Amino acid sequence: MIHTTIGIVMGMVGLAMALNLWRLLRGPDTADRVLALDTLYINTIALLFLFGMRLESPIYFEAEAIIALLGFVGTLALAKYMLRRDIIE
């Protein structure tokens, strides 16, 4: 029962990732693309969480932490670049 539910939710998260990718490629301006990339990071973390639950393996939870850290730093760097057009002062 739980594996079926996890499979269905993984499909929904996959659909959300596809829609985020569409917005990332198609976004009218840079702010939309940055938000789509940030949401794509969050959906990747959710998909890895579900995959780790399905396989009952703790290694995926460590990968989630790494992706969350890189996503946070990447979003900060892109936001700083959008504001000042320079990352390093």
C-alpha atoms as a PDB file:
ATOM      1  CA  MET A   1       0.000   0.000   0.000  1.00  0.00           C
ATOM      2  CA  ILE A   2       2.695   2.496   1.006  1.00  0.00           C
ATOM      3  CA  HIS A   3       4.844   1.659  -2.043  1.00  0.00           C
ATOM      4  CA  THR A   4       1.901   2.373  -4.333  1.00  0.00           C
ATOM      5  CA  THR A   5       1.259   5.699  -2.640  1.00  0.00           C
ATOM      6  CA  ILE A   6       4.929   6.656  -2.827  1.00  0.00           C
ATOM      7  CA  GLY A   7       4.947   5.747  -6.533  1.00  0.00           C
ATOM      8  CA  ILE A   8       1.937   7.952  -7.224  1.00  0.00           C
ATOM      9  CA  VAL A   9       3.434  10.869  -5.286  1.00  0.00           C
ATOM     10  CA  MET A  10       6.759  10.411  -7.110  1.00  0.00           C
ATOM     11  CA  GLY A  11       4.867  10.760 -10.387  1.00  0.00           C
ATOM     12  CA  MET A  12       3.238  13.963  -9.162  1.00  0.00           C
ATOM     13  CA  VAL A  13       6.569  15.400  -8.069  1.00  0.00           C
ATOM     14  CA  GLY A  14       8.017  14.408 -11.441  1.00  0.00           C
ATOM     15  CA  LEU A  15       5.216  16.305 -13.167  1.00  0.00           C
ATOM     16  CA  ALA A  16       5.933  19.329 -10.963  1.00  0.00           C
ATOM     17  CA  MET A  17       9.603  19.093 -11.936  1.00  0.00           C
ATOM     18  CA  ALA A  18       8.676  19.014 -15.628  1.00  0.00           C
ATOM     19  CA  LEU A  19       6.527  22.120 -15.194  1.00  0.00           C
ATOM     20  CA  ASN A  20       9.375  23.843 -13.319  1.00  0.00           C
ATOM     21  CA  LEU A  21      11.758  22.966 -16.124  1.00  0.00           C
ATOM     22  CA  TRP A  22       9.310  24.439 -18.624  1.00  0.00           C
ATOM     23  CA  ARG A  23       9.165  27.685 -16.610  1.00  0.00           C
ATOM     24  CA  LEU A  24      12.962  27.680 -16.294  1.00  0.00           C
ATOM     25  CA  LEU A  25      13.413  27.455 -20.056  1.00  0.00           C
ATOM     26  CA  ARG A  26      10.487  29.656 -20.997  1.00  0.00           C
ATOM     27  CA  GLY A  27      10.399  32.269 -18.192  1.00  0.00           C
ATOM     28  CA  PRO A  28       9.873  35.804 -19.434  1.00  0.00           C
ATOM     29  CA  ASP A  29      12.566  37.338 -17.222  1.00  0.00           C
ATOM     30  CA  THR A  30      15.463  36.397 -14.976  1.00  0.00           C
ATOM     31  CA  ALA A  31      13.499  36.500 -11.722  1.00  0.00           C
ATOM     32  CA  ASP A  32      11.072  33.853 -12.994  1.00  0.00           C
ATOM     33  CA  ARG A  33      13.968  31.648 -14.009  1.00  0.00           C
ATOM     34  CA  VAL A  34      15.658  31.968 -10.611  1.00  0.00           C
ATOM     35  CA  LEU A  35      12.423  31.095  -8.825  1.00  0.00           C
ATOM     36  CA  ALA A  36      11.879  28.125 -11.132  1.00  0.00           C
ATOM     37  CA  LEU A  37      15.409  26.895 -10.429  1.00  0.00           C
ATOM     38  CA  ASP A  38      14.877  27.255  -6.680  1.00  0.00           C
ATOM     39  CA  THR A  39      11.602  25.342  -6.892  1.00  0.00           C
ATOM     40  CA  LEU A  40      13.346  22.686  -8.976  1.00  0.00           C
ATOM     41  CA  TYR A  41      15.855  22.220  -6.154  1.00  0.00           C
ATOM     42  CA  ILE A  42      13.026  21.785  -3.664  1.00  0.00           C
ATOM     43  CA  ASN A  43      11.251  19.262  -5.874  1.00  0.00           C
ATOM     44  CA  THR A  44      14.503  17.341  -6.328  1.00  0.00           C
ATOM     45  CA  ILE A  45      14.869  17.130  -2.567  1.00  0.00           C
ATOM     46  CA  ALA A  46      11.275  15.878  -2.258  1.00  0.00           C
ATOM     47  CA  LEU A  47      11.846  13.272  -4.981  1.00  0.00           C
ATOM     48  CA  LEU A  48      15.020  12.014  -3.301  1.00  0.00           C
ATOM     49  CA  PHE A  49      13.190  11.846   0.015  1.00  0.00           C
ATOM     50  CA  LEU A  50      10.455   9.715  -1.526  1.00  0.00           C
ATOM     51  CA  PHE A  51      12.996   7.540  -3.329  1.00  0.00           C
ATOM     52  CA  GLY A  52      14.869   6.998  -0.048  1.00  0.00           C
ATOM     53  CA  MET A  53      11.630   6.029   1.672  1.00  0.00           C
ATOM     54  CA  ARG A  54      10.777   3.585  -1.080  1.00  0.00           C
ATOM     55  CA  LEU A  55      14.171   1.866  -1.044  1.00  0.00           C
ATOM     56  CA  GLU A  56      14.603   2.259   2.733  1.00  0.00           C
ATOM     57  CA  SER A  57      18.142   3.554   2.278  1.00  0.00           C
ATOM     58  CA  PRO A  58      19.644   6.404   4.346  1.00  0.00           C
ATOM     59  CA  ILE A  59      22.139   7.442   1.637  1.00  0.00           C
ATOM     60  CA  TYR A  60      19.489   9.464  -0.188  1.00  0.00           C
ATOM     61  CA  PHE A  61      18.891  11.605   2.886  1.00  0.00           C
ATOM     62  CA  GLU A  62      22.550  12.661   2.843  1.00  0.00           C
ATOM     63  CA  ALA A  63      22.262  13.544  -0.843  1.00  0.00           C
ATOM     64  CA  GLU A  64      19.233  15.692   0.022  1.00  0.00           C
ATOM     65  CA  ALA A  65      21.268  17.692   2.505  1.00  0.00           C
ATOM     66  CA  ILE A  66      23.981  18.340  -0.078  1.00  0.00           C
ATOM     67  CA  ILE A  67      21.469  19.412  -2.726  1.00  0.00           C
ATOM     68  CA  ALA A  68      19.695  21.667  -0.218  1.00  0.00           C
ATOM     69  CA  LEU A  69      22.973  23.361   0.687  1.00  0.00           C
ATOM     70  CA  LEU A  70      24.006  23.837  -2.933  1.00  0.00           C
ATOM     71  CA  GLY A  71      20.540  25.090  -3.858  1.00  0.00           C
ATOM     72  CA  PHE A  72      20.571  27.652  -1.056  1.00  0.00           C
ATOM     73  CA  VAL A  73      24.028  28.946  -1.964  1.00  0.00           C
ATOM     74  CA  GLY A  74      23.148  29.006  -5.662  1.00  0.00           C
ATOM     75  CA  THR A  75      19.968  30.963  -5.054  1.00  0.00           C
ATOM     76  CA  LEU A  76      21.835  33.481  -2.919  1.00  0.00           C
ATOM     77  CA  ALA A  77      24.500  33.925  -5.582  1.00  0.00           C
ATOM     78  CA  LEU A  78      21.918  34.401  -8.334  1.00  0.00           C
ATOM     79  CA  ALA A  79      19.947  36.891  -6.232  1.00  0.00           C
ATOM     80  CA  LYS A  80      23.086  38.876  -5.484  1.00  0.00           C
ATOM     81  CA  TYR A  81      24.002  38.858  -9.159  1.00  0.00           C
ATOM     82  CA  MET A  82      20.530  40.079 -10.110  1.00  0.00           C
ATOM     83  CA  LEU A  83      20.744  42.972  -7.655  1.00  0.00           C
ATOM     84  CA  ARG A  84      24.271  44.193  -8.316  1.00  0.00           C
ATOM     85  CA  ARG A  85      25.415  42.473 -11.512  1.00  0.00           C
ATOM     86  CA  ASP A  86      28.459  41.372  -9.538  1.00  0.00           C
ATOM     87  CA  ILE A  87      28.897  38.406  -7.215  1.00  0.00           C
ATOM     88  CA  ILE A  88      32.255  39.242  -5.671  1.00  0.00           C
ATOM     89  CA  GLU A  89      32.672  42.734  -4.270  1.00  0.00           C
END
